Amino acid sequence: MTPRWICLAAVVLSGITSVSAQAATIQVTINKLVYSPAEVTAKVGDTVEWINKDIVAHTATATNGDWNVAIAPKQTARLVVKKSGNIDYFCKYHPNMKGIVVVTP
């Protein structure tokens, strides 16, 4: 085998054996004024998706001010998490609705 073919074979084999990390989508359902599950775990780059099954609008508003996601009735809204930490959130319209996103690096 020529050095060129050896190099090409090494590149091909390394592509076959490498596993790429893909971002995940974590779903939270809103039903009867409750986030379910109330606590989810995600990694930086993952997407949190809120599915609003209620007939009223909600938000997912971070208590630290990092994000505010509006979720229309019977709609879905998404957020890509950008930094690690425990992020408490609530609904601006229904402050008794509370959740937490635990984000790891």
PDB file of N, CA and C in Angstrom:
ATOM      1  N   MET A   1       0.835  -1.179   0.000  1.00  0.00           N
ATOM      2  CA  MET A   1       0.000   0.000   0.000  1.00  0.00           C
ATOM      3  C   MET A   1       0.885   1.249   0.000  1.00  0.00           C
ATOM      4  N   THR A   2       0.493   2.219  -0.790  1.00  0.00           N
ATOM      5  CA  THR A   2       1.245   3.468  -0.836  1.00  0.00           C
ATOM      6  C   THR A   2       0.885   4.322   0.367  1.00  0.00           C
ATOM      7  N   PRO A   3       1.786   5.252   0.731  1.00  0.00           N
ATOM      8  CA  PRO A   3       1.481   6.120   1.885  1.00  0.00           C
ATOM      9  C   PRO A   3       0.169   6.888   1.712  1.00  0.00           C
ATOM     10  N   ARG A   4      -0.144   7.248   0.472  1.00  0.00           N
ATOM     11  CA  ARG A   4      -1.391   7.991   0.229  1.00  0.00           C
ATOM     12  C   ARG A   4      -2.607   7.149   0.596  1.00  0.00           C
ATOM     13  N   TRP A   5      -2.593   5.869   0.202  1.00  0.00           N
ATOM     14  CA  TRP A   5      -3.711   4.974   0.508  1.00  0.00           C
ATOM     15  C   TRP A   5      -3.808   4.698   2.003  1.00  0.00           C
ATOM     16  N   ILE A   6      -2.668   4.613   2.654  1.00  0.00           N
ATOM     17  CA  ILE A   6      -2.671   4.378   4.099  1.00  0.00           C
ATOM     18  C   ILE A   6      -3.321   5.569   4.810  1.00  0.00           C
ATOM     19  N   CYS A   7      -2.941   6.765   4.352  1.00  0.00           N
ATOM     20  CA  CYS A   7      -3.536   7.987   4.932  1.00  0.00           C
ATOM     21  C   CYS A   7      -5.042   8.022   4.708  1.00  0.00           C
ATOM     22  N   LEU A   8      -5.467   7.715   3.489  1.00  0.00           N
ATOM     23  CA  LEU A   8      -6.891   7.715   3.154  1.00  0.00           C
ATOM     24  C   LEU A   8      -7.638   6.681   3.993  1.00  0.00           C
ATOM     25  N   ALA A   9      -7.065   5.509   4.143  1.00  0.00           N
ATOM     26  CA  ALA A   9      -7.700   4.456   4.942  1.00  0.00           C
ATOM     27  C   ALA A   9      -7.827   4.888   6.402  1.00  0.00           C
ATOM     28  N   ALA A  10      -6.800   5.551   6.924  1.00  0.00           N
ATOM     29  CA  ALA A  10      -6.839   6.017   8.309  1.00  0.00           C
ATOM     30  C   ALA A  10      -7.946   7.051   8.504  1.00  0.00           C
ATOM     31  N   VAL A  11      -8.101   7.955   7.539  1.00  0.00           N
ATOM     32  CA  VAL A  11      -9.146   8.974   7.629  1.00  0.00           C
ATOM     33  C   VAL A  11     -10.519   8.328   7.593  1.00  0.00           C
ATOM     34  N   VAL A  12     -10.723   7.393   6.696  1.00  0.00           N
ATOM     35  CA  VAL A  12     -12.011   6.707   6.570  1.00  0.00           C
ATOM     36  C   VAL A  12     -12.322   5.927   7.840  1.00  0.00           C
ATOM     37  N   LEU A  13     -11.355   5.174   8.339  1.00  0.00           N
ATOM     38  CA  LEU A  13     -11.590   4.384   9.542  1.00  0.00           C
ATOM     39  C   LEU A  13     -11.841   5.254  10.759  1.00  0.00           C
ATOM     40  N   SER A  14     -11.154   6.388  10.870  1.00  0.00           N
ATOM     41  CA  SER A  14     -11.405   7.258  12.017  1.00  0.00           C
ATOM     42  C   SER A  14     -12.810   7.841  11.954  1.00  0.00           C
ATOM     43  N   GLY A  15     -13.329   8.085  10.767  1.00  0.00           N
ATOM     44  CA  GLY A  15     -14.696   8.580  10.614  1.00  0.00           C
ATOM     45  C   GLY A  15     -15.718   7.533  10.999  1.00  0.00           C
ATOM     46  N   ILE A  16     -15.390   6.283  10.744  1.00  0.00           N
ATOM     47  CA  ILE A  16     -16.304   5.188  11.073  1.00  0.00           C
ATOM     48  C   ILE A  16     -16.360   4.964  12.578  1.00  0.00           C
ATOM     49  N   THR A  17     -15.214   5.076  13.235  1.00  0.00           N
ATOM     50  CA  THR A  17     -15.180   4.760  14.661  1.00  0.00           C
ATOM     51  C   THR A  17     -15.531   5.938  15.549  1.00  0.00           C
ATOM     52  N   SER A  18     -15.543   7.154  15.008  1.00  0.00           N
ATOM     53  CA  SER A  18     -15.874   8.296  15.863  1.00  0.00           C
ATOM     54  C   SER A  18     -17.386   8.415  16.022  1.00  0.00           C
ATOM     55  N   VAL A  19     -17.777   8.836  17.193  1.00  0.00           N
ATOM     56  CA  VAL A  19     -19.196   9.029  17.478  1.00  0.00           C
ATOM     57  C   VAL A  19     -19.398  10.512  17.754  1.00  0.00           C
ATOM     58  N   SER A  20     -20.279  11.125  17.006  1.00  0.00           N
ATOM     59  CA  SER A  20     -20.515  12.545  17.224  1.00  0.00           C
ATOM     60  C   SER A  20     -21.633  12.726  18.246  1.00  0.00           C
ATOM     61  N   ALA A  21     -21.427  13.700  19.126  1.00  0.00           N
ATOM     62  CA  ALA A  21     -22.453  14.020  20.121  1.00  0.00           C
ATOM     63  C   ALA A  21     -23.505  14.897  19.464  1.00  0.00           C
ATOM     64  N   GLN A  22     -24.747  14.551  19.658  1.00  0.00           N
ATOM     65  CA  GLN A  22     -25.828  15.344  19.093  1.00  0.00           C
ATOM     66  C   GLN A  22     -26.643  15.955  20.223  1.00  0.00           C
ATOM     67  N   ALA A  23     -27.105  17.144  19.959  1.00  0.00           N
ATOM     68  CA  ALA A  23     -27.948  17.819  20.949  1.00  0.00           C
ATOM     69  C   ALA A  23     -29.271  17.077  21.093  1.00  0.00           C
ATOM     70  N   ALA A  24     -29.781  17.090  22.295  1.00  0.00           N
ATOM     71  CA  ALA A  24     -31.050  16.423  22.587  1.00  0.00           C
ATOM     72  C   ALA A  24     -32.165  17.452  22.706  1.00  0.00           C
ATOM     73  N   THR A  25     -33.389  16.975  22.586  1.00  0.00           N
ATOM     74  CA  THR A  25     -34.566  17.798  22.839  1.00  0.00           C
ATOM     75  C   THR A  25     -35.265  17.244  24.066  1.00  0.00           C
ATOM     76  N   ILE A  26     -35.426  18.091  25.064  1.00  0.00           N
ATOM     77  CA  ILE A  26     -36.075  17.709  26.311  1.00  0.00           C
ATOM     78  C   ILE A  26     -37.463  18.330  26.317  1.00  0.00           C
ATOM     79  N   GLN A  27     -38.484  17.510  26.483  1.00  0.00           N
ATOM     80  CA  GLN A  27     -39.859  17.998  26.411  1.00  0.00           C
ATOM     81  C   GLN A  27     -40.469  18.192  27.796  1.00  0.00           C
ATOM     82  N   VAL A  28     -41.168  19.315  27.928  1.00  0.00           N
ATOM     83  CA  VAL A  28     -41.936  19.622  29.128  1.00  0.00           C
ATOM     84  C   VAL A  28     -43.367  19.887  28.669  1.00  0.00           C
ATOM     85  N   THR A  29     -44.311  19.164  29.218  1.00  0.00           N
ATOM     86  CA  THR A  29     -45.717  19.357  28.880  1.00  0.00           C
ATOM     87  C   THR A  29     -46.350  20.302  29.891  1.00  0.00           C
ATOM     88  N   ILE A  30     -47.171  21.196  29.378  1.00  0.00           N
ATOM     89  CA  ILE A  30     -47.957  22.075  30.248  1.00  0.00           C
ATOM     90  C   ILE A  30     -49.405  21.635  30.117  1.00  0.00           C
ATOM     91  N   ASN A  31     -49.967  21.203  31.238  1.00  0.00           N
ATOM     92  CA  ASN A  31     -51.348  20.727  31.231  1.00  0.00           C
ATOM     93  C   ASN A  31     -51.978  21.067  32.579  1.00  0.00           C
ATOM     94  N   LYS A  32     -53.119  21.747  32.539  1.00  0.00           N
ATOM     95  CA  LYS A  32     -53.844  22.137  33.750  1.00  0.00           C
ATOM     96  C   LYS A  32     -52.955  22.962  34.684  1.00  0.00           C
ATOM     97  N   LEU A  33     -52.229  23.932  34.088  1.00  0.00           N
ATOM     98  CA  LEU A  33     -51.403  24.876  34.828  1.00  0.00           C
ATOM     99  C   LEU A  33     -50.252  24.220  35.584  1.00  0.00           C
ATOM    100  N   VAL A  34     -49.687  23.147  35.007  1.00  0.00           N
ATOM    101  CA  VAL A  34     -48.563  22.442  35.622  1.00  0.00           C
ATOM    102  C   VAL A  34     -47.524  22.113  34.556  1.00  0.00           C
ATOM    103  N   TYR A  35     -46.234  22.390  34.867  1.00  0.00           N
ATOM    104  CA  TYR A  35     -45.124  21.927  34.025  1.00  0.00           C
ATOM    105  C   TYR A  35     -44.846  20.483  34.418  1.00  0.00           C
ATOM    106  N   SER A  36     -44.743  19.605  33.431  1.00  0.00           N
ATOM    107  CA  SER A  36     -44.475  18.205  33.733  1.00  0.00           C
ATOM    108  C   SER A  36     -43.480  17.622  32.731  1.00  0.00           C
ATOM    109  N   PRO A  37     -42.331  17.156  33.177  1.00  0.00           N
ATOM    110  CA  PRO A  37     -41.872  17.163  34.558  1.00  0.00           C
ATOM    111  C   PRO A  37     -41.478  18.566  34.996  1.00  0.00           C
ATOM    112  N   ALA A  38     -41.533  18.786  36.290  1.00  0.00           N
ATOM    113  CA  ALA A  38     -41.193  20.110  36.828  1.00  0.00           C
ATOM    114  C   ALA A  38     -39.690  20.349  36.809  1.00  0.00           C
ATOM    115  N   GLU A  39     -38.902  19.284  36.833  1.00  0.00           N
ATOM    116  CA  GLU A  39     -37.448  19.406  36.761  1.00  0.00           C
ATOM    117  C   GLU A  39     -36.924  18.553  35.623  1.00  0.00           C
ATOM    118  N   VAL A  40     -36.120  19.155  34.769  1.00  0.00           N
ATOM    119  CA  VAL A  40     -35.490  18.432  33.668  1.00  0.00           C
ATOM    120  C   VAL A  40     -33.990  18.703  33.694  1.00  0.00           C
ATOM    121  N   THR A  41     -33.232  17.785  33.120  1.00  0.00           N
ATOM    122  CA  THR A  41     -31.790  17.920  33.006  1.00  0.00           C
ATOM    123  C   THR A  41     -31.426  18.012  31.541  1.00  0.00           C
ATOM    124  N   ALA A  42     -30.547  18.958  31.217  1.00  0.00           N
ATOM    125  CA  ALA A  42     -30.111  19.167  29.838  1.00  0.00           C
ATOM    126  C   ALA A  42     -28.625  19.474  29.846  1.00  0.00           C
ATOM    127  N   LYS A  43     -28.031  19.428  28.662  1.00  0.00           N
ATOM    128  CA  LYS A  43     -26.645  19.836  28.475  1.00  0.00           C
ATOM    129  C   LYS A  43     -26.638  21.123  27.668  1.00  0.00           C
ATOM    130  N   VAL A  44     -25.571  21.898  27.818  1.00  0.00           N
ATOM    131  CA  VAL A  44     -25.430  23.107  27.007  1.00  0.00           C
ATOM    132  C   VAL A  44     -25.565  22.709  25.538  1.00  0.00           C
ATOM    133  N   GLY A  45     -26.412  23.407  24.796  1.00  0.00           N
ATOM    134  CA  GLY A  45     -26.668  23.089  23.389  1.00  0.00           C
ATOM    135  C   GLY A  45     -27.929  22.287  23.154  1.00  0.00           C
ATOM    136  N   ASP A  46     -28.473  21.679  24.210  1.00  0.00           N
ATOM    137  CA  ASP A  46     -29.738  20.948  24.086  1.00  0.00           C
ATOM    138  C   ASP A  46     -30.890  21.938  23.943  1.00  0.00           C
ATOM    139  N   THR A  47     -32.013  21.427  23.494  1.00  0.00           N
ATOM    140  CA  THR A  47     -33.222  22.230  23.337  1.00  0.00           C
ATOM    141  C   THR A  47     -34.262  21.795  24.357  1.00  0.00           C
ATOM    142  N   VAL A  48     -34.837  22.767  25.048  1.00  0.00           N
ATOM    143  CA  VAL A  48     -35.988  22.480  25.912  1.00  0.00           C
ATOM    144  C   VAL A  48     -37.217  22.899  25.124  1.00  0.00           C
ATOM    145  N   GLU A  49     -38.175  21.994  25.040  1.00  0.00           N
ATOM    146  CA  GLU A  49     -39.401  22.221  24.271  1.00  0.00           C
ATOM    147  C   GLU A  49     -40.595  22.143  25.211  1.00  0.00           C
ATOM    148  N   TRP A  50     -41.335  23.237  25.280  1.00  0.00           N
ATOM    149  CA  TRP A  50     -42.550  23.273  26.106  1.00  0.00           C
ATOM    150  C   TRP A  50     -43.759  23.058  25.205  1.00  0.00           C
ATOM    151  N   ILE A  51     -44.592  22.086  25.555  1.00  0.00           N
ATOM    152  CA  ILE A  51     -45.796  21.754  24.796  1.00  0.00           C
ATOM    153  C   ILE A  51     -46.992  22.186  25.635  1.00  0.00           C
ATOM    154  N   ASN A  52     -47.665  23.242  25.192  1.00  0.00           N
ATOM    155  CA  ASN A  52     -48.783  23.802  25.949  1.00  0.00           C
ATOM    156  C   ASN A  52     -50.085  23.129  25.521  1.00  0.00           C
ATOM    157  N   LYS A  53     -50.629  22.303  26.389  1.00  0.00           N
ATOM    158  CA  LYS A  53     -51.905  21.634  26.107  1.00  0.00           C
ATOM    159  C   LYS A  53     -53.095  22.409  26.660  1.00  0.00           C
ATOM    160  N   ASP A  54     -52.812  23.496  27.367  1.00  0.00           N
ATOM    161  CA  ASP A  54     -53.878  24.315  27.946  1.00  0.00           C
ATOM    162  C   ASP A  54     -54.501  25.236  26.891  1.00  0.00           C
ATOM    163  N   ILE A  55     -55.645  25.815  27.254  1.00  0.00           N
ATOM    164  CA  ILE A  55     -56.332  26.745  26.342  1.00  0.00           C
ATOM    165  C   ILE A  55     -55.966  28.196  26.636  1.00  0.00           C
ATOM    166  N   VAL A  56     -54.977  28.381  27.520  1.00  0.00           N
ATOM    167  CA  VAL A  56     -54.489  29.718  27.846  1.00  0.00           C
ATOM    168  C   VAL A  56     -52.985  29.787  27.582  1.00  0.00           C
ATOM    169  N   ALA A  57     -52.498  31.004  27.383  1.00  0.00           N
ATOM    170  CA  ALA A  57     -51.074  31.208  27.139  1.00  0.00           C
ATOM    171  C   ALA A  57     -50.275  31.059  28.436  1.00  0.00           C
ATOM    172  N   HIS A  58     -49.008  30.680  28.280  1.00  0.00           N
ATOM    173  CA  HIS A  58     -48.080  30.567  29.399  1.00  0.00           C
ATOM    174  C   HIS A  58     -46.738  31.135  28.966  1.00  0.00           C
ATOM    175  N   THR A  59     -45.848  31.267  29.946  1.00  0.00           N
ATOM    176  CA  THR A  59     -44.456  31.579  29.647  1.00  0.00           C
ATOM    177  C   THR A  59     -43.582  30.605  30.423  1.00  0.00           C
ATOM    178  N   ALA A  60     -42.349  30.508  30.004  1.00  0.00           N
ATOM    179  CA  ALA A  60     -41.297  29.865  30.783  1.00  0.00           C
ATOM    180  C   ALA A  60     -40.262  30.976  30.957  1.00  0.00           C
ATOM    181  N   THR A  61     -40.276  31.612  32.115  1.00  0.00           N
ATOM    182  CA  THR A  61     -39.462  32.789  32.370  1.00  0.00           C
ATOM    183  C   THR A  61     -38.420  32.476  33.433  1.00  0.00           C
ATOM    184  N   ALA A  62     -37.159  32.571  33.055  1.00  0.00           N
ATOM    185  CA  ALA A  62     -36.074  32.290  33.998  1.00  0.00           C
ATOM    186  C   ALA A  62     -36.069  33.341  35.105  1.00  0.00           C
ATOM    187  N   THR A  63     -35.954  32.890  36.349  1.00  0.00           N
ATOM    188  CA  THR A  63     -35.946  33.833  37.470  1.00  0.00           C
ATOM    189  C   THR A  63     -34.692  34.701  37.467  1.00  0.00           C
ATOM    190  N   ASN A  64     -33.621  34.240  36.822  1.00  0.00           N
ATOM    191  CA  ASN A  64     -32.389  35.030  36.762  1.00  0.00           C
ATOM    192  C   ASN A  64     -32.375  35.994  35.575  1.00  0.00           C
ATOM    193  N   GLY A  65     -33.466  36.026  34.792  1.00  0.00           N
ATOM    194  CA  GLY A  65     -33.575  36.953  33.673  1.00  0.00           C
ATOM    195  C   GLY A  65     -32.916  36.490  32.382  1.00  0.00           C
ATOM    196  N   ASP A  66     -32.378  35.261  32.353  1.00  0.00           N
ATOM    197  CA  ASP A  66     -31.675  34.775  31.156  1.00  0.00           C
ATOM    198  C   ASP A  66     -32.590  34.585  29.954  1.00  0.00           C
ATOM    199  N   TRP A  67     -33.829  34.167  30.165  1.00  0.00           N
ATOM    200  CA  TRP A  67     -34.733  33.936  29.037  1.00  0.00           C
ATOM    201  C   TRP A  67     -36.190  34.038  29.463  1.00  0.00           C
ATOM    202  N   ASN A  68     -37.004  34.310  28.446  1.00  0.00           N
ATOM    203  CA  ASN A  68     -38.449  34.386  28.612  1.00  0.00           C
ATOM    204  C   ASN A  68     -39.063  33.795  27.346  1.00  0.00           C
ATOM    205  N   VAL A  69     -39.685  32.654  27.484  1.00  0.00           N
ATOM    206  CA  VAL A  69     -40.267  31.959  26.339  1.00  0.00           C
ATOM    207  C   VAL A  69     -41.785  32.063  26.429  1.00  0.00           C
ATOM    208  N   ALA A  70     -42.405  32.646  25.400  1.00  0.00           N
ATOM    209  CA  ALA A  70     -43.869  32.735  25.330  1.00  0.00           C
ATOM    210  C   ALA A  70     -44.398  31.472  24.665  1.00  0.00           C
ATOM    211  N   ILE A  71     -45.439  30.894  25.263  1.00  0.00           N
ATOM    212  CA  ILE A  71     -46.013  29.647  24.752  1.00  0.00           C
ATOM    213  C   ILE A  71     -47.512  29.854  24.569  1.00  0.00           C
ATOM    214  N   ALA A  72     -47.923  29.995  23.344  1.00  0.00           N
ATOM    215  CA  ALA A  72     -49.336  30.230  23.025  1.00  0.00           C
ATOM    216  C   ALA A  72     -50.169  28.989  23.345  1.00  0.00           C
ATOM    217  N   PRO A  73     -51.483  29.177  23.514  1.00  0.00           N
ATOM    218  CA  PRO A  73     -52.361  28.030  23.781  1.00  0.00           C
ATOM    219  C   PRO A  73     -52.260  26.984  22.664  1.00  0.00           C
ATOM    220  N   LYS A  74     -52.199  25.739  23.077  1.00  0.00           N
ATOM    221  CA  LYS A  74     -52.164  24.596  22.151  1.00  0.00           C
ATOM    222  C   LYS A  74     -50.976  24.654  21.178  1.00  0.00           C
ATOM    223  N   GLN A  75     -49.886  25.328  21.595  1.00  0.00           N
ATOM    224  CA  GLN A  75     -48.699  25.461  20.748  1.00  0.00           C
ATOM    225  C   GLN A  75     -47.465  24.940  21.478  1.00  0.00           C
ATOM    226  N   THR A  76     -46.357  24.907  20.751  1.00  0.00           N
ATOM    227  CA  THR A  76     -45.074  24.468  21.280  1.00  0.00           C
ATOM    228  C   THR A  76     -44.066  25.590  21.101  1.00  0.00           C
ATOM    229  N   ALA A  77     -43.184  25.749  22.073  1.00  0.00           N
ATOM    230  CA  ALA A  77     -42.110  26.745  21.980  1.00  0.00           C
ATOM    231  C   ALA A  77     -40.809  26.082  22.435  1.00  0.00           C
ATOM    232  N   ARG A  78     -39.688  26.576  21.898  1.00  0.00           N
ATOM    233  CA  ARG A  78     -38.391  25.950  22.168  1.00  0.00           C
ATOM    234  C   ARG A  78     -37.350  26.976  22.601  1.00  0.00           C
ATOM    235  N   LEU A  79     -36.355  26.465  23.322  1.00  0.00           N
ATOM    236  CA  LEU A  79     -35.223  27.267  23.751  1.00  0.00           C
ATOM    237  C   LEU A  79     -33.980  26.392  23.736  1.00  0.00           C
ATOM    238  N   VAL A  80     -32.913  26.877  23.113  1.00  0.00           N
ATOM    239  CA  VAL A  80     -31.626  26.192  23.167  1.00  0.00           C
ATOM    240  C   VAL A  80     -30.881  26.746  24.381  1.00  0.00           C
ATOM    241  N   VAL A  81     -30.482  25.861  25.300  1.00  0.00           N
ATOM    242  CA  VAL A  81     -29.800  26.316  26.506  1.00  0.00           C
ATOM    243  C   VAL A  81     -28.350  26.649  26.182  1.00  0.00           C
ATOM    244  N   LYS A  82     -27.907  27.794  26.688  1.00  0.00           N
ATOM    245  CA  LYS A  82     -26.601  28.338  26.312  1.00  0.00           C
ATOM    246  C   LYS A  82     -25.533  28.216  27.386  1.00  0.00           C
ATOM    247  N   LYS A  83     -25.938  28.087  28.667  1.00  0.00           N
ATOM    248  CA  LYS A  83     -24.931  28.006  29.718  1.00  0.00           C
ATOM    249  C   LYS A  83     -25.384  27.055  30.815  1.00  0.00           C
ATOM    250  N   SER A  84     -24.413  26.533  31.532  1.00  0.00           N
ATOM    251  CA  SER A  84     -24.722  25.546  32.569  1.00  0.00           C
ATOM    252  C   SER A  84     -25.186  26.230  33.855  1.00  0.00           C
ATOM    253  N   GLY A  85     -25.832  25.442  34.679  1.00  0.00           N
ATOM    254  CA  GLY A  85     -26.338  25.920  35.964  1.00  0.00           C
ATOM    255  C   GLY A  85     -27.752  25.436  36.198  1.00  0.00           C
ATOM    256  N   ASN A  86     -28.247  25.692  37.390  1.00  0.00           N
ATOM    257  CA  ASN A  86     -29.632  25.372  37.735  1.00  0.00           C
ATOM    258  C   ASN A  86     -30.463  26.616  37.478  1.00  0.00           C
ATOM    259  N   ILE A  87     -31.400  26.517  36.553  1.00  0.00           N
ATOM    260  CA  ILE A  87     -32.193  27.675  36.167  1.00  0.00           C
ATOM    261  C   ILE A  87     -33.645  27.452  36.577  1.00  0.00           C
ATOM    262  N   ASP A  88     -34.066  28.176  37.600  1.00  0.00           N
ATOM    263  CA  ASP A  88     -35.468  28.143  38.021  1.00  0.00           C
ATOM    264  C   ASP A  88     -36.268  28.987  37.046  1.00  0.00           C
ATOM    265  N   TYR A  89     -37.487  28.558  36.760  1.00  0.00           N
ATOM    266  CA  TYR A  89     -38.356  29.344  35.885  1.00  0.00           C
ATOM    267  C   TYR A  89     -39.794  29.259  36.360  1.00  0.00           C
ATOM    268  N   PHE A  90     -40.624  30.168  35.848  1.00  0.00           N
ATOM    269  CA  PHE A  90     -42.023  30.244  36.249  1.00  0.00           C
ATOM    270  C   PHE A  90     -42.828  30.809  35.087  1.00  0.00           C
ATOM    271  N   CYS A  91     -44.148  30.804  35.238  1.00  0.00           N
ATOM    272  CA  CYS A  91     -45.033  31.410  34.248  1.00  0.00           C
ATOM    273  C   CYS A  91     -45.398  32.812  34.743  1.00  0.00           C
ATOM    274  N   LYS A  92     -45.158  33.822  33.898  1.00  0.00           N
ATOM    275  CA  LYS A  92     -45.483  35.205  34.278  1.00  0.00           C
ATOM    276  C   LYS A  92     -46.972  35.385  34.549  1.00  0.00           C
ATOM    277  N   TYR A  93     -47.802  34.638  33.818  1.00  0.00           N
ATOM    278  CA  TYR A  93     -49.250  34.783  33.962  1.00  0.00           C
ATOM    279  C   TYR A  93     -49.798  33.979  35.139  1.00  0.00           C
ATOM    280  N   HIS A  94     -49.093  32.927  35.508  1.00  0.00           N
ATOM    281  CA  HIS A  94     -49.540  32.028  36.577  1.00  0.00           C
ATOM    282  C   HIS A  94     -48.324  31.723  37.453  1.00  0.00           C
ATOM    283  N   PRO A  95     -47.935  32.644  38.333  1.00  0.00           N
ATOM    284  CA  PRO A  95     -46.687  32.528  39.090  1.00  0.00           C
ATOM    285  C   PRO A  95     -46.565  31.289  39.976  1.00  0.00           C
ATOM    286  N   ASN A  96     -47.679  30.617  40.230  1.00  0.00           N
ATOM    287  CA  ASN A  96     -47.609  29.367  41.002  1.00  0.00           C
ATOM    288  C   ASN A  96     -47.030  28.229  40.170  1.00  0.00           C
ATOM    289  N   MET A  97     -46.957  28.398  38.844  1.00  0.00           N
ATOM    290  CA  MET A  97     -46.345  27.393  37.967  1.00  0.00           C
ATOM    291  C   MET A  97     -44.835  27.580  38.028  1.00  0.00           C
ATOM    292  N   LYS A  98     -44.115  26.532  38.454  1.00  0.00           N
ATOM    293  CA  LYS A  98     -42.663  26.629  38.618  1.00  0.00           C
ATOM    294  C   LYS A  98     -41.983  25.390  38.083  1.00  0.00           C
ATOM    295  N   GLY A  99     -40.787  25.606  37.561  1.00  0.00           N
ATOM    296  CA  GLY A  99     -39.980  24.498  37.076  1.00  0.00           C
ATOM    297  C   GLY A  99     -38.518  24.821  37.218  1.00  0.00           C
ATOM    298  N   ILE A 100     -37.681  23.840  36.900  1.00  0.00           N
ATOM    299  CA  ILE A 100     -36.231  24.029  36.943  1.00  0.00           C
ATOM    300  C   ILE A 100     -35.591  23.252  35.796  1.00  0.00           C
ATOM    301  N   VAL A 101     -34.610  23.886  35.170  1.00  0.00           N
ATOM    302  CA  VAL A 101     -33.797  23.223  34.153  1.00  0.00           C
ATOM    303  C   VAL A 101     -32.388  23.143  34.722  1.00  0.00           C
ATOM    304  N   VAL A 102     -31.902  21.924  34.916  1.00  0.00           N
ATOM    305  CA  VAL A 102     -30.547  21.695  35.399  1.00  0.00           C
ATOM    306  C   VAL A 102     -29.681  21.476  34.160  1.00  0.00           C
ATOM    307  N   VAL A 103     -28.767  22.416  33.906  1.00  0.00           N
ATOM    308  CA  VAL A 103     -27.952  22.377  32.696  1.00  0.00           C
ATOM    309  C   VAL A 103     -26.515  22.061  33.058  1.00  0.00           C
ATOM    310  N   THR A 104     -26.001  20.997  32.469  1.00  0.00           N
ATOM    311  CA  THR A 104     -24.602  20.608  32.672  1.00  0.00           C
ATOM    312  C   THR A 104     -23.790  20.984  31.446  1.00  0.00           C
ATOM    313  N   PRO A 105     -22.486  21.155  31.620  1.00  0.00           N
ATOM    314  CA  PRO A 105     -21.635  21.539  30.456  1.00  0.00           C
ATOM    315  C   PRO A 105     -21.631  20.491  29.360  1.00  0.00           C
TER     316      PRO A 105
END
